PDB file of N, CA and C in Angstrom:
ATOM      1  N   MET A   1     109.522  78.028 144.931  1.00  0.00           N
ATOM      2  CA  MET A   1     108.326  77.891 145.729  1.00  0.00           C
ATOM      3  C   MET A   1     108.128  79.176 146.508  1.00  0.00           C
ATOM      4  N   PHE A   2     106.893  79.644 146.503  1.00  0.00           N
ATOM      5  CA  PHE A   2     106.523  80.827 147.277  1.00  0.00           C
ATOM      6  C   PHE A   2     105.563  80.371 148.362  1.00  0.00           C
ATOM      7  N   ALA A   3     106.052  80.352 149.589  1.00  0.00           N
ATOM      8  CA  ALA A   3     105.250  79.898 150.719  1.00  0.00           C
ATOM      9  C   ALA A   3     105.719  80.597 151.984  1.00  0.00           C
ATOM     10  N   LYS A   4     104.789  80.766 152.909  1.00  0.00           N
ATOM     11  CA  LYS A   4     105.143  81.383 154.191  1.00  0.00           C
ATOM     12  C   LYS A   4     104.994  80.408 155.358  1.00  0.00           C
ATOM     13  N   ASP A   5     104.323  79.297 155.128  1.00  0.00           N
ATOM     14  CA  ASP A   5     104.115  78.285 156.164  1.00  0.00           C
ATOM     15  C   ASP A   5     105.346  77.384 156.218  1.00  0.00           C
ATOM     16  N   LEU A   6     106.157  77.549 157.253  1.00  0.00           N
ATOM     17  CA  LEU A   6     107.412  76.804 157.359  1.00  0.00           C
ATOM     18  C   LEU A   6     107.216  75.295 157.429  1.00  0.00           C
ATOM     19  N   LEU A   7     106.194  74.845 158.134  1.00  0.00           N
ATOM     20  CA  LEU A   7     105.967  73.407 158.245  1.00  0.00           C
ATOM     21  C   LEU A   7     105.592  72.806 156.898  1.00  0.00           C
ATOM     22  N   PHE A   8     104.720  73.483 156.164  1.00  0.00           N
ATOM     23  CA  PHE A   8     104.319  72.957 154.862  1.00  0.00           C
ATOM     24  C   PHE A   8     105.471  73.064 153.870  1.00  0.00           C
ATOM     25  N   GLU A   9     106.247  74.133 153.963  1.00  0.00           N
ATOM     26  CA  GLU A   9     107.426  74.276 153.100  1.00  0.00           C
ATOM     27  C   GLU A   9     108.392  73.115 153.341  1.00  0.00           C
ATOM     28  N   THR A  10     108.584  72.750 154.587  1.00  0.00           N
ATOM     29  CA  THR A  10     109.468  71.633 154.929  1.00  0.00           C
ATOM     30  C   THR A  10     108.953  70.336 154.321  1.00  0.00           C
ATOM     31  N   ARG A  11     107.667  70.153 154.344  1.00  0.00           N
ATOM     32  CA  ARG A  11     107.069  68.945 153.754  1.00  0.00           C
ATOM     33  C   ARG A  11     107.331  68.894 152.244  1.00  0.00           C
ATOM     34  N   ILE A  12     107.139  70.014 151.568  1.00  0.00           N
ATOM     35  CA  ILE A  12     107.376  70.074 150.125  1.00  0.00           C
ATOM     36  C   ILE A  12     108.863  69.850 149.838  1.00  0.00           C
ATOM     37  N   ARG A  13     109.700  70.520 150.607  1.00  0.00           N
ATOM     38  CA  ARG A  13     111.151  70.403 150.408  1.00  0.00           C
ATOM     39  C   ARG A  13     111.631  68.965 150.617  1.00  0.00           C
ATOM     40  N   SER A  14     111.144  68.309 151.647  1.00  0.00           N
ATOM     41  CA  SER A  14     111.596  66.938 151.913  1.00  0.00           C
ATOM     42  C   SER A  14     111.124  65.989 150.812  1.00  0.00           C
ATOM     43  N   THR A  15     109.948  66.215 150.268  1.00  0.00           N
ATOM     44  CA  THR A  15     109.483  65.399 149.147  1.00  0.00           C
ATOM     45  C   THR A  15     110.374  65.620 147.933  1.00  0.00           C
ATOM     46  N   ALA A  16     110.704  66.879 147.657  1.00  0.00           N
ATOM     47  CA  ALA A  16     111.591  67.199 146.530  1.00  0.00           C
ATOM     48  C   ALA A  16     112.956  66.546 146.716  1.00  0.00           C
ATOM     49  N   GLU A  17     113.513  66.653 147.904  1.00  0.00           N
ATOM     50  CA  GLU A  17     114.832  66.063 148.170  1.00  0.00           C
ATOM     51  C   GLU A  17     114.803  64.551 147.982  1.00  0.00           C
ATOM     52  N   ALA A  18     113.728  63.912 148.431  1.00  0.00           N
ATOM     53  CA  ALA A  18     113.608  62.464 148.272  1.00  0.00           C
ATOM     54  C   ALA A  18     113.574  62.062 146.797  1.00  0.00           C
ATOM     55  N   LEU A  19     113.098  62.969 145.958  1.00  0.00           N
ATOM     56  CA  LEU A  19     113.029  62.712 144.521  1.00  0.00           C
ATOM     57  C   LEU A  19     114.274  63.192 143.779  1.00  0.00           C
ATOM     58  N   GLY A  20     115.211  63.793 144.521  1.00  0.00           N
ATOM     59  CA  GLY A  20     116.426  64.310 143.901  1.00  0.00           C
ATOM     60  C   GLY A  20     116.213  65.618 143.162  1.00  0.00           C
ATOM     61  N   ILE A  21     115.224  66.372 143.559  1.00  0.00           N
ATOM     62  CA  ILE A  21     114.876  67.637 142.909  1.00  0.00           C
ATOM     63  C   ILE A  21     115.339  68.800 143.775  1.00  0.00           C
ATOM     64  N   VAL A  22     116.038  69.747 143.164  1.00  0.00           N
ATOM     65  CA  VAL A  22     116.482  70.946 143.880  1.00  0.00           C
ATOM     66  C   VAL A  22     115.310  71.917 143.941  1.00  0.00           C
ATOM     67  N   LEU A  23     115.024  72.396 145.132  1.00  0.00           N
ATOM     68  CA  LEU A  23     113.905  73.304 145.347  1.00  0.00           C
ATOM     69  C   LEU A  23     114.409  74.563 146.012  1.00  0.00           C
ATOM     70  N   ARG A  24     114.097  75.690 145.425  1.00  0.00           N
ATOM     71  CA  ARG A  24     114.433  76.976 146.046  1.00  0.00           C
ATOM     72  C   ARG A  24     113.140  77.584 146.543  1.00  0.00           C
ATOM     73  N   SER A  25     113.234  78.251 147.688  1.00  0.00           N
ATOM     74  CA  SER A  25     112.016  78.833 148.244  1.00  0.00           C
ATOM     75  C   SER A  25     112.214  80.306 148.556  1.00  0.00           C
ATOM     76  N   ALA A  26     111.079  80.983 148.625  1.00  0.00           N
ATOM     77  CA  ALA A  26     111.075  82.412 148.925  1.00  0.00           C
ATOM     78  C   ALA A  26     109.843  82.724 149.763  1.00  0.00           C
ATOM     79  N   ARG A  27     109.980  83.715 150.608  1.00  0.00           N
ATOM     80  CA  ARG A  27     108.862  84.119 151.458  1.00  0.00           C
ATOM     81  C   ARG A  27     108.319  85.496 151.093  1.00  0.00           C
ATOM     82  N   ASP A  28     108.888  86.099 150.049  1.00  0.00           N
ATOM     83  CA  ASP A  28     108.349  87.376 149.588  1.00  0.00           C
ATOM     84  C   ASP A  28     108.416  87.437 148.072  1.00  0.00           C
ATOM     85  N   SER A  29     107.565  88.248 147.497  1.00  0.00           N
ATOM     86  CA  SER A  29     107.434  88.289 146.039  1.00  0.00           C
ATOM     87  C   SER A  29     108.709  88.770 145.348  1.00  0.00           C
ATOM     88  N   ARG A  30     109.415  89.679 145.941  1.00  0.00           N
ATOM     89  CA  ARG A  30     110.652  90.189 145.333  1.00  0.00           C
ATOM     90  C   ARG A  30     111.678  89.062 145.160  1.00  0.00           C
ATOM     91  N   THR A  31     111.816  88.226 146.168  1.00  0.00           N
ATOM     92  CA  THR A  31     112.758  87.117 146.093  1.00  0.00           C
ATOM     93  C   THR A  31     112.342  86.115 145.016  1.00  0.00           C
ATOM     94  N   VAL A  32     111.034  85.836 144.929  1.00  0.00           N
ATOM     95  CA  VAL A  32     110.546  84.915 143.901  1.00  0.00           C
ATOM     96  C   VAL A  32     110.925  85.428 142.519  1.00  0.00           C
ATOM     97  N   LEU A  33     110.644  86.690 142.269  1.00  0.00           N
ATOM     98  CA  LEU A  33     110.915  87.250 140.946  1.00  0.00           C
ATOM     99  C   LEU A  33     112.413  87.301 140.669  1.00  0.00           C
ATOM    100  N   GLY A  34     113.215  87.516 141.685  1.00  0.00           N
ATOM    101  CA  GLY A  34     114.663  87.476 141.524  1.00  0.00           C
ATOM    102  C   GLY A  34     115.144  86.090 141.133  1.00  0.00           C
ATOM    103  N   LEU A  35     114.589  85.061 141.761  1.00  0.00           N
ATOM    104  CA  LEU A  35     114.952  83.686 141.412  1.00  0.00           C
ATOM    105  C   LEU A  35     114.563  83.366 139.971  1.00  0.00           C
ATOM    106  N   LEU A  36     113.413  83.844 139.555  1.00  0.00           N
ATOM    107  CA  LEU A  36     112.969  83.594 138.179  1.00  0.00           C
ATOM    108  C   LEU A  36     113.874  84.272 137.161  1.00  0.00           C
ATOM    109  N   ALA A  37     114.317  85.466 137.485  1.00  0.00           N
ATOM    110  CA  ALA A  37     115.134  86.238 136.546  1.00  0.00           C
ATOM    111  C   ALA A  37     116.565  85.720 136.453  1.00  0.00           C
ATOM    112  N   ASN A  38     117.049  85.115 137.531  1.00  0.00           N
ATOM    113  CA  ASN A  38     118.469  84.771 137.594  1.00  0.00           C
ATOM    114  C   ASN A  38     118.792  83.290 137.508  1.00  0.00           C
ATOM    115  N   SER A  39     117.822  82.453 137.210  1.00  0.00           N
ATOM    116  CA  SER A  39     118.144  81.027 137.180  1.00  0.00           C
ATOM    117  C   SER A  39     117.237  80.279 136.221  1.00  0.00           C
ATOM    118  N   GLY A  40     117.643  79.072 135.918  1.00  0.00           N
ATOM    119  CA  GLY A  40     116.850  78.198 135.061  1.00  0.00           C
ATOM    120  C   GLY A  40     115.813  77.468 135.878  1.00  0.00           C
ATOM    121  N   VAL A  41     114.740  78.108 136.179  1.00  0.00           N
ATOM    122  CA  VAL A  41     113.691  77.549 137.015  1.00  0.00           C
ATOM    123  C   VAL A  41     112.760  76.686 136.166  1.00  0.00           C
ATOM    124  N   ALA A  42     112.475  75.475 136.641  1.00  0.00           N
ATOM    125  CA  ALA A  42     111.607  74.556 135.907  1.00  0.00           C
ATOM    126  C   ALA A  42     110.138  74.842 136.148  1.00  0.00           C
ATOM    127  N   GLY A  43     109.811  75.325 137.321  1.00  0.00           N
ATOM    128  CA  GLY A  43     108.414  75.574 137.659  1.00  0.00           C
ATOM    129  C   GLY A  43     108.312  76.389 138.922  1.00  0.00           C
ATOM    130  N   LEU A  44     107.107  76.810 139.201  1.00  0.00           N
ATOM    131  CA  LEU A  44     106.853  77.629 140.382  1.00  0.00           C
ATOM    132  C   LEU A  44     105.650  77.077 141.116  1.00  0.00           C
ATOM    133  N   ILE A  45     105.824  76.848 142.408  1.00  0.00           N
ATOM    134  CA  ILE A  45     104.738  76.430 143.283  1.00  0.00           C
ATOM    135  C   ILE A  45     104.378  77.629 144.137  1.00  0.00           C
ATOM    136  N   VAL A  46     103.099  77.971 144.160  1.00  0.00           N
ATOM    137  CA  VAL A  46     102.640  79.143 144.901  1.00  0.00           C
ATOM    138  C   VAL A  46     101.580  78.722 145.906  1.00  0.00           C
ATOM    139  N   ASP A  47     101.851  79.011 147.168  1.00  0.00           N
ATOM    140  CA  ASP A  47     100.889  78.771 148.241  1.00  0.00           C
ATOM    141  C   ASP A  47      99.987  79.999 148.333  1.00  0.00           C
ATOM    142  N   LEU A  48      98.720  79.834 148.024  1.00  0.00           N
ATOM    143  CA  LEU A  48      97.797  80.964 148.006  1.00  0.00           C
ATOM    144  C   LEU A  48      97.487  81.490 149.393  1.00  0.00           C
ATOM    145  N   ASP A  49      97.942  80.800 150.425  1.00  0.00           N
ATOM    146  CA  ASP A  49      97.812  81.334 151.780  1.00  0.00           C
ATOM    147  C   ASP A  49      98.682  82.577 151.960  1.00  0.00           C
ATOM    148  N   CYS A  50      99.537  82.860 150.987  1.00  0.00           N
ATOM    149  CA  CYS A  50     100.339  84.087 151.027  1.00  0.00           C
ATOM    150  C   CYS A  50      99.489  85.309 150.688  1.00  0.00           C
ATOM    151  N   GLY A  51      98.216  85.112 150.386  1.00  0.00           N
ATOM    152  CA  GLY A  51      97.282  86.208 150.158  1.00  0.00           C
ATOM    153  C   GLY A  51      97.407  86.830 148.781  1.00  0.00           C
ATOM    154  N   GLU A  52      97.101  88.115 148.722  1.00  0.00           N
ATOM    155  CA  GLU A  52      97.114  88.826 147.443  1.00  0.00           C
ATOM    156  C   GLU A  52      98.493  88.822 146.804  1.00  0.00           C
ATOM    157  N   ASP A  53      99.539  88.775 147.615  1.00  0.00           N
ATOM    158  CA  ASP A  53     100.893  88.662 147.067  1.00  0.00           C
ATOM    159  C   ASP A  53     101.015  87.432 146.178  1.00  0.00           C
ATOM    160  N   ALA A  54     100.337  86.362 146.549  1.00  0.00           N
ATOM    161  CA  ALA A  54     100.429  85.115 145.792  1.00  0.00           C
ATOM    162  C   ALA A  54      99.877  85.292 144.384  1.00  0.00           C
ATOM    163  N   VAL A  55      98.746  85.936 144.265  1.00  0.00           N
ATOM    164  CA  VAL A  55      98.153  86.167 142.948  1.00  0.00           C
ATOM    165  C   VAL A  55      99.049  87.094 142.133  1.00  0.00           C
ATOM    166  N   ALA A  56      99.600  88.111 142.781  1.00  0.00           N
ATOM    167  CA  ALA A  56     100.514  89.027 142.093  1.00  0.00           C
ATOM    168  C   ALA A  56     101.766  88.297 141.612  1.00  0.00           C
ATOM    169  N   VAL A  57     102.264  87.362 142.395  1.00  0.00           N
ATOM    170  CA  VAL A  57     103.430  86.573 141.996  1.00  0.00           C
ATOM    171  C   VAL A  57     103.100  85.722 140.776  1.00  0.00           C
ATOM    172  N   VAL A  58     101.928  85.119 140.762  1.00  0.00           N
ATOM    173  CA  VAL A  58     101.517  84.314 139.600  1.00  0.00           C
ATOM    174  C   VAL A  58     101.490  85.198 138.354  1.00  0.00           C
ATOM    175  N   GLU A  59     100.876  86.365 138.448  1.00  0.00           N
ATOM    176  CA  GLU A  59     100.805  87.282 137.300  1.00  0.00           C
ATOM    177  C   GLU A  59     102.190  87.694 136.824  1.00  0.00           C
ATOM    178  N   ALA A  60     103.029  88.104 137.761  1.00  0.00           N
ATOM    179  CA  ALA A  60     104.372  88.566 137.401  1.00  0.00           C
ATOM    180  C   ALA A  60     105.220  87.433 136.826  1.00  0.00           C
ATOM    181  N   ALA A  61     105.104  86.241 137.400  1.00  0.00           N
ATOM    182  CA  ALA A  61     105.867  85.093 136.901  1.00  0.00           C
ATOM    183  C   ALA A  61     105.430  84.737 135.482  1.00  0.00           C
ATOM    184  N   ARG A  62     104.141  84.807 135.228  1.00  0.00           N
ATOM    185  CA  ARG A  62     103.634  84.498 133.893  1.00  0.00           C
ATOM    186  C   ARG A  62     104.168  85.514 132.872  1.00  0.00           C
ATOM    187  N   ARG A  63     104.226  86.785 133.260  1.00  0.00           N
ATOM    188  CA  ARG A  63     104.776  87.813 132.370  1.00  0.00           C
ATOM    189  C   ARG A  63     106.273  87.599 132.147  1.00  0.00           C
ATOM    190  N   GLU A  64     106.987  87.238 133.215  1.00  0.00           N
ATOM    191  CA  GLU A  64     108.444  87.070 133.158  1.00  0.00           C
ATOM    192  C   GLU A  64     108.849  85.873 132.304  1.00  0.00           C
ATOM    193  N   LYS A  65     108.144  84.766 132.497  1.00  0.00           N
ATOM    194  CA  LYS A  65     108.493  83.518 131.797  1.00  0.00           C
ATOM    195  C   LYS A  65     107.207  82.855 131.324  1.00  0.00           C
ATOM    196  N   ALA A  66     106.852  83.122 130.104  1.00  0.00           N
ATOM    197  CA  ALA A  66     105.579  82.643 129.565  1.00  0.00           C
ATOM    198  C   ALA A  66     105.452  81.120 129.594  1.00  0.00           C
ATOM    199  N   ALA A  67     106.544  80.391 129.422  1.00  0.00           N
ATOM    200  CA  ALA A  67     106.488  78.930 129.357  1.00  0.00           C
ATOM    201  C   ALA A  67     106.606  78.255 130.726  1.00  0.00           C
ATOM    202  N   LEU A  68     106.801  79.019 131.773  1.00  0.00           N
ATOM    203  CA  LEU A  68     106.978  78.471 133.111  1.00  0.00           C
ATOM    204  C   LEU A  68     105.722  77.727 133.561  1.00  0.00           C
ATOM    205  N   ARG A  69     105.905  76.549 134.136  1.00  0.00           N
ATOM    206  CA  ARG A  69     104.768  75.808 134.709  1.00  0.00           C
ATOM    207  C   ARG A  69     104.530  76.343 136.115  1.00  0.00           C
ATOM    208  N   ILE A  70     103.313  76.816 136.360  1.00  0.00           N
ATOM    209  CA  ILE A  70     102.954  77.401 137.645  1.00  0.00           C
ATOM    210  C   ILE A  70     101.824  76.579 138.259  1.00  0.00           C
ATOM    211  N   VAL A  71     102.064  76.107 139.479  1.00  0.00           N
ATOM    212  CA  VAL A  71     101.056  75.370 140.231  1.00  0.00           C
ATOM    213  C   VAL A  71     100.737  76.178 141.479  1.00  0.00           C
ATOM    214  N   ALA A  72      99.459  76.487 141.647  1.00  0.00           N
ATOM    215  CA  ALA A  72      99.009  77.233 142.829  1.00  0.00           C
ATOM    216  C   ALA A  72      98.059  76.351 143.628  1.00  0.00           C
ATOM    217  N   PHE A  73      98.165  76.452 144.941  1.00  0.00           N
ATOM    218  CA  PHE A  73      97.282  75.665 145.803  1.00  0.00           C
ATOM    219  C   PHE A  73      96.873  76.510 146.992  1.00  0.00           C
ATOM    220  N   GLY A  74      95.735  76.171 147.559  1.00  0.00           N
ATOM    221  CA  GLY A  74      95.253  76.916 148.722  1.00  0.00           C
ATOM    222  C   GLY A  74      94.069  76.213 149.345  1.00  0.00           C
ATOM    223  N   PRO A  75      93.513  76.835 150.373  1.00  0.00           N
ATOM    224  CA  PRO A  75      92.372  76.238 151.069  1.00  0.00           C
ATOM    225  C   PRO A  75      91.167  76.095 150.134  1.00  0.00           C
ATOM    226  N   HIS A  76      90.517  74.958 150.188  1.00  0.00           N
ATOM    227  CA  HIS A  76      89.363  74.730 149.315  1.00  0.00           C
ATOM    228  C   HIS A  76      88.220  75.702 149.594  1.00  0.00           C
ATOM    229  N   VAL A  77      88.182  76.252 150.787  1.00  0.00           N
ATOM    230  CA  VAL A  77      87.106  77.184 151.141  1.00  0.00           C
ATOM    231  C   VAL A  77      87.308  78.573 150.528  1.00  0.00           C
ATOM    232  N   GLN A  78      88.479  78.809 149.947  1.00  0.00           N
ATOM    233  CA  GLN A  78      88.748  80.101 149.321  1.00  0.00           C
ATOM    234  C   GLN A  78      88.666  79.960 147.795  1.00  0.00           C
ATOM    235  N   ALA A  79      87.497  79.567 147.339  1.00  0.00           N
ATOM    236  CA  ALA A  79      87.287  79.306 145.909  1.00  0.00           C
ATOM    237  C   ALA A  79      87.583  80.532 145.055  1.00  0.00           C
ATOM    238  N   ALA A  80      87.245  81.709 145.534  1.00  0.00           N
ATOM    239  CA  ALA A  80      87.492  82.925 144.747  1.00  0.00           C
ATOM    240  C   ALA A  80      88.986  83.156 144.562  1.00  0.00           C
ATOM    241  N   LEU A  81      89.761  82.892 145.591  1.00  0.00           N
ATOM    242  CA  LEU A  81      91.211  83.059 145.498  1.00  0.00           C
ATOM    243  C   LEU A  81      91.808  82.034 144.532  1.00  0.00           C
ATOM    244  N   LEU A  82      91.337  80.805 144.593  1.00  0.00           N
ATOM    245  CA  LEU A  82      91.788  79.774 143.663  1.00  0.00           C
ATOM    246  C   LEU A  82      91.462  80.185 142.221  1.00  0.00           C
ATOM    247  N   GLU A  83      90.285  80.716 142.030  1.00  0.00           N
ATOM    248  CA  GLU A  83      89.876  81.160 140.690  1.00  0.00           C
ATOM    249  C   GLU A  83      90.740  82.319 140.199  1.00  0.00           C
ATOM    250  N   ARG A  84      91.041  83.261 141.077  1.00  0.00           N
ATOM    251  CA  ARG A  84      91.891  84.405 140.686  1.00  0.00           C
ATOM    252  C   ARG A  84      93.288  83.940 140.294  1.00  0.00           C
ATOM    253  N   ALA A  85      93.804  82.933 140.970  1.00  0.00           N
ATOM    254  CA  ALA A  85      95.124  82.411 140.615  1.00  0.00           C
ATOM    255  C   ALA A  85      95.111  81.813 139.216  1.00  0.00           C
ATOM    256  N   GLY A  86      94.053  81.110 138.877  1.00  0.00           N
ATOM    257  CA  GLY A  86      93.928  80.571 137.532  1.00  0.00           C
ATOM    258  C   GLY A  86      93.825  81.676 136.495  1.00  0.00           C
ATOM    259  N   ALA A  87      93.048  82.687 136.794  1.00  0.00           N
ATOM    260  CA  ALA A  87      92.899  83.817 135.873  1.00  0.00           C
ATOM    261  C   ALA A  87      94.205  84.593 135.728  1.00  0.00           C
ATOM    262  N   ALA A  88      95.033  84.565 136.766  1.00  0.00           N
ATOM    263  CA  ALA A  88      96.316  85.285 136.737  1.00  0.00           C
ATOM    264  C   ALA A  88      97.371  84.550 135.928  1.00  0.00           C
ATOM    265  N   GLY A  89      97.124  83.266 135.625  1.00  0.00           N
ATOM    266  CA  GLY A  89      98.067  82.549 134.779  1.00  0.00           C
ATOM    267  C   GLY A  89      98.597  81.242 135.314  1.00  0.00           C
ATOM    268  N   ALA A  90      98.115  80.782 136.460  1.00  0.00           N
ATOM    269  CA  ALA A  90      98.571  79.485 136.971  1.00  0.00           C
ATOM    270  C   ALA A  90      98.075  78.379 136.049  1.00  0.00           C
ATOM    271  N   ASP A  91      98.958  77.429 135.748  1.00  0.00           N
ATOM    272  CA  ASP A  91      98.581  76.305 134.893  1.00  0.00           C
ATOM    273  C   ASP A  91      97.657  75.337 135.618  1.00  0.00           C
ATOM    274  N   ASP A  92      97.960  75.100 136.873  1.00  0.00           N
ATOM    275  CA  ASP A  92      97.161  74.206 137.703  1.00  0.00           C
ATOM    276  C   ASP A  92      96.842  74.921 139.001  1.00  0.00           C
ATOM    277  N   VAL A  93      95.588  74.868 139.390  1.00  0.00           N
ATOM    278  CA  VAL A  93      95.142  75.447 140.655  1.00  0.00           C
ATOM    279  C   VAL A  93      94.345  74.366 141.364  1.00  0.00           C
ATOM    280  N   MET A  94      94.694  74.135 142.617  1.00  0.00           N
ATOM    281  CA  MET A  94      94.041  73.036 143.329  1.00  0.00           C
ATOM    282  C   MET A  94      93.969  73.313 144.825  1.00  0.00           C
ATOM    283  N   PRO A  95      93.029  72.633 145.480  1.00  0.00           N
ATOM    284  CA  PRO A  95      92.986  72.737 146.938  1.00  0.00           C
ATOM    285  C   PRO A  95      94.227  72.084 147.548  1.00  0.00           C
ATOM    286  N   ARG A  96      94.559  72.528 148.729  1.00  0.00           N
ATOM    287  CA  ARG A  96      95.743  72.029 149.426  1.00  0.00           C
ATOM    288  C   ARG A  96      95.729  70.505 149.565  1.00  0.00           C
ATOM    289  N   SER A  97      94.576  69.924 149.832  1.00  0.00           N
ATOM    290  CA  SER A  97      94.502  68.469 150.022  1.00  0.00           C
ATOM    291  C   SER A  97      94.912  67.722 148.755  1.00  0.00           C
ATOM    292  N   ARG A  98      94.439  68.173 147.602  1.00  0.00           N
ATOM    293  CA  ARG A  98      94.818  67.515 146.343  1.00  0.00           C
ATOM    294  C   ARG A  98      96.296  67.739 146.035  1.00  0.00           C
ATOM    295  N   PHE A  99      96.777  68.949 146.308  1.00  0.00           N
ATOM    296  CA  PHE A  99      98.191  69.250 146.093  1.00  0.00           C
ATOM    297  C   PHE A  99      99.057  68.302 146.916  1.00  0.00           C
ATOM    298  N   THR A 100      98.692  68.113 148.169  1.00  0.00           N
ATOM    299  CA  THR A 100      99.449  67.239 149.059  1.00  0.00           C
ATOM    300  C   THR A 100      99.447  65.804 148.547  1.00  0.00           C
ATOM    301  N   GLN A 101      98.310  65.328 148.106  1.00  0.00           N
ATOM    302  CA  GLN A 101      98.204  63.962 147.603  1.00  0.00           C
ATOM    303  C   GLN A 101      99.027  63.758 146.333  1.00  0.00           C
ATOM    304  N   GLN A 102      99.085  64.772 145.490  1.00  0.00           N
ATOM    305  CA  GLN A 102      99.745  64.649 144.191  1.00  0.00           C
ATOM    306  C   GLN A 102     101.146  65.251 144.160  1.00  0.00           C
ATOM    307  N   LEU A 103     101.665  65.660 145.305  1.00  0.00           N
ATOM    308  CA  LEU A 103     102.935  66.380 145.345  1.00  0.00           C
ATOM    309  C   LEU A 103     104.078  65.686 144.598  1.00  0.00           C
ATOM    310  N   PRO A 104     104.334  64.415 144.825  1.00  0.00           N
ATOM    311  CA  PRO A 104     105.442  63.798 144.070  1.00  0.00           C
ATOM    312  C   PRO A 104     105.244  63.884 142.555  1.00  0.00           C
ATOM    313  N   GLU A 105     104.031  63.634 142.092  1.00  0.00           N
ATOM    314  CA  GLU A 105     103.752  63.705 140.654  1.00  0.00           C
ATOM    315  C   GLU A 105     103.899  65.131 140.127  1.00  0.00           C
ATOM    316  N   ILE A 106     103.459  66.101 140.900  1.00  0.00           N
ATOM    317  CA  ILE A 106     103.576  67.507 140.495  1.00  0.00           C
ATOM    318  C   ILE A 106     105.043  67.885 140.341  1.00  0.00           C
ATOM    319  N   LEU A 107     105.856  67.514 141.317  1.00  0.00           N
ATOM    320  CA  LEU A 107     107.281  67.841 141.258  1.00  0.00           C
ATOM    321  C   LEU A 107     107.962  67.148 140.079  1.00  0.00           C
ATOM    322  N   ARG A 108     107.658  65.881 139.879  1.00  0.00           N
ATOM    323  CA  ARG A 108     108.249  65.155 138.747  1.00  0.00           C
ATOM    324  C   ARG A 108     107.855  65.795 137.415  1.00  0.00           C
ATOM    325  N   ALA A 109     106.605  66.195 137.288  1.00  0.00           N
ATOM    326  CA  ALA A 109     106.124  66.807 136.046  1.00  0.00           C
ATOM    327  C   ALA A 109     106.838  68.134 135.789  1.00  0.00           C
ATOM    328  N   MET A 110     107.088  68.900 136.829  1.00  0.00           N
ATOM    329  CA  MET A 110     107.775  70.174 136.658  1.00  0.00           C
ATOM    330  C   MET A 110     109.193  69.959 136.128  1.00  0.00           C
ATOM    331  N   VAL A 111     109.878  68.979 136.664  1.00  0.00           N
ATOM    332  CA  VAL A 111     111.251  68.714 136.247  1.00  0.00           C
ATOM    333  C   VAL A 111     111.287  68.114 134.855  1.00  0.00           C
ATOM    334  N   SER A 112     110.357  67.225 134.538  1.00  0.00           N
ATOM    335  CA  SER A 112     110.389  66.551 133.239  1.00  0.00           C
ATOM    336  C   SER A 112     110.108  67.499 132.091  1.00  0.00           C
ATOM    337  N   THR A 113     109.438  68.610 132.332  1.00  0.00           N
ATOM    338  CA  THR A 113     109.152  69.551 131.249  1.00  0.00           C
ATOM    339  C   THR A 113     110.376  70.323 130.819  1.00  0.00           C
ATOM    340  N   THR A 114     111.444  70.292 131.621  1.00  0.00           N
ATOM    341  CA  THR A 114     112.652  71.046 131.277  1.00  0.00           C
ATOM    342  C   THR A 114     113.746  70.149 130.718  1.00  0.00           C
ATOM    343  N   ARG A 115     113.550  68.850 130.700  1.00  0.00           N
ATOM    344  CA  ARG A 115     114.590  67.931 130.228  1.00  0.00           C
ATOM    345  C   ARG A 115     114.370  67.532 128.799  1.00  0.00           C
TER     346      ARG A 115
END
């Protein structure tokens, strides 16, 4: 997970833990790419509130691991940013509200694609 909002990261992490899913997080693009290169990552969640770094992470992750499931989310008012994330290679791009509502299903889907 690439996120800078600690409160929202905690919410995602606690949902993952409740589902028995191991979640690794990073607050900078270098760490995200290091995690992708050095581990069996099932998917990547990208908070588009991280700005242009977020779109760059989506692009780099897609190049690094073509089969990786990438979910990007952000404010619904930033439609252009959501669109750029999709163009950069995110499989699913959604507003934060939908991401929050579907979080358990999103996490389960990421894990089930690797089993």
